[in-house]
Amino acid sequence: MLLPMRPMSGARFMVMSAKPPLSARELAVNGNDIMSALSIAPGPRVGAVLDALLERVLDDPALNEPDLLLALARELAPSLP
């Protein structure tokens, strides 16, 4: 038997909707986006950028927006292998 859903309070909705990604696959960008933005070929560097982005988003879930992540990728890429 299903129970009727209660409306969620604003604060509770904000907490639940701010759930950070738990893997690079859940980021707002993917490998194709990274390759295009950084003009790099497929390879381990793409994964390194995605992993670095994931670490940042785990610290601050608000960063999980395509424009923010691509800007951050451009900033981080020179220091990654």
Protein backbone atom coordinates (compact mmCIF):
# COMPACT_ATOMS: atom_id res chain seq x y z
CA MET A 1 0.00 0.00 0.00
CA LEU A 2 1.39 3.38 -1.01
CA LEU A 3 1.11 6.23 1.42
CA PRO A 4 0.32 9.73 0.18
CA MET A 5 3.40 11.90 -0.20
CA ARG A 6 3.78 14.85 2.10
CA PRO A 7 5.10 18.09 0.66
CA MET A 8 8.77 18.60 1.37
CA SER A 9 9.88 21.66 3.29
CA GLY A 10 12.08 24.11 1.40
CA ALA A 11 15.16 23.36 3.50
CA ARG A 12 14.77 19.60 3.13
CA PHE A 13 14.29 19.93 -0.63
CA MET A 14 17.46 22.03 -0.91
CA VAL A 15 19.51 19.46 1.00
CA MET A 16 18.20 16.55 -1.05
CA SER A 17 18.59 18.34 -4.39
CA ALA A 18 22.18 19.35 -3.54
CA LYS A 19 23.27 15.71 -3.40
CA PRO A 20 26.82 15.68 -4.72
CA PRO A 21 27.80 13.22 -7.43
CA LEU A 22 29.48 10.08 -6.16
CA SER A 23 31.33 9.26 -9.36
CA ALA A 24 32.70 11.09 -12.39
CA ARG A 25 29.75 9.72 -14.39
CA GLU A 26 27.42 11.88 -12.32
CA LEU A 27 29.21 15.14 -13.08
CA ALA A 28 27.46 17.76 -15.21
CA VAL A 29 30.17 17.24 -17.87
CA ASN A 30 31.60 14.13 -19.49
CA GLY A 31 34.78 13.12 -21.26
CA ASN A 32 33.58 14.46 -24.60
CA ASP A 33 32.97 17.87 -23.03
CA ILE A 34 36.48 17.84 -21.52
CA MET A 35 38.13 16.81 -24.80
CA SER A 36 36.30 19.54 -26.67
CA ALA A 37 36.95 22.29 -24.10
CA LEU A 38 40.63 21.43 -23.68
CA SER A 39 41.29 20.33 -27.28
CA ILE A 40 42.78 17.04 -26.10
CA ALA A 41 42.53 13.52 -27.49
CA PRO A 42 40.94 10.58 -25.67
CA GLY A 43 43.24 9.09 -23.06
CA PRO A 44 44.20 8.98 -19.40
CA ARG A 45 44.42 12.77 -19.17
CA VAL A 46 40.66 13.06 -19.71
CA GLY A 47 40.08 10.73 -16.76
CA ALA A 48 42.56 12.67 -14.63
CA VAL A 49 40.65 15.91 -15.33
CA LEU A 50 37.31 14.27 -14.50
CA ASP A 51 38.73 12.83 -11.28
CA ALA A 52 40.06 16.25 -10.26
CA LEU A 53 36.68 17.82 -11.02
CA LEU A 54 34.91 15.18 -8.96
CA GLU A 55 37.14 15.93 -5.97
CA ARG A 56 36.26 19.60 -6.23
CA VAL A 57 32.53 18.90 -6.56
CA LEU A 58 32.58 16.59 -3.55
CA ASP A 59 33.99 19.53 -1.57
CA ASP A 60 31.48 22.00 -3.07
CA PRO A 61 28.43 20.47 -4.84
CA ALA A 62 27.42 23.90 -6.18
CA LEU A 63 30.30 23.58 -8.66
CA ASN A 64 28.48 20.80 -10.51
CA GLU A 65 27.36 23.09 -13.34
CA PRO A 66 28.69 22.63 -16.89
CA ASP A 67 30.08 26.16 -17.30
CA LEU A 68 31.75 26.13 -13.90
CA LEU A 69 33.25 22.68 -14.41
CA LEU A 70 34.65 23.51 -17.85
CA ALA A 71 36.24 26.70 -16.52
CA LEU A 72 37.69 24.72 -13.64
CA ALA A 73 38.96 22.04 -16.04
CA ARG A 74 40.82 24.71 -18.03
CA GLU A 75 42.37 25.95 -14.79
CA LEU A 76 43.35 22.50 -13.49
CA ALA A 77 44.49 20.83 -16.72
CA PRO A 78 48.00 22.31 -16.90
CA SER A 79 48.90 20.84 -13.51
CA LEU A 80 47.57 17.34 -14.27
CA PRO A 81 49.50 14.49 -15.91
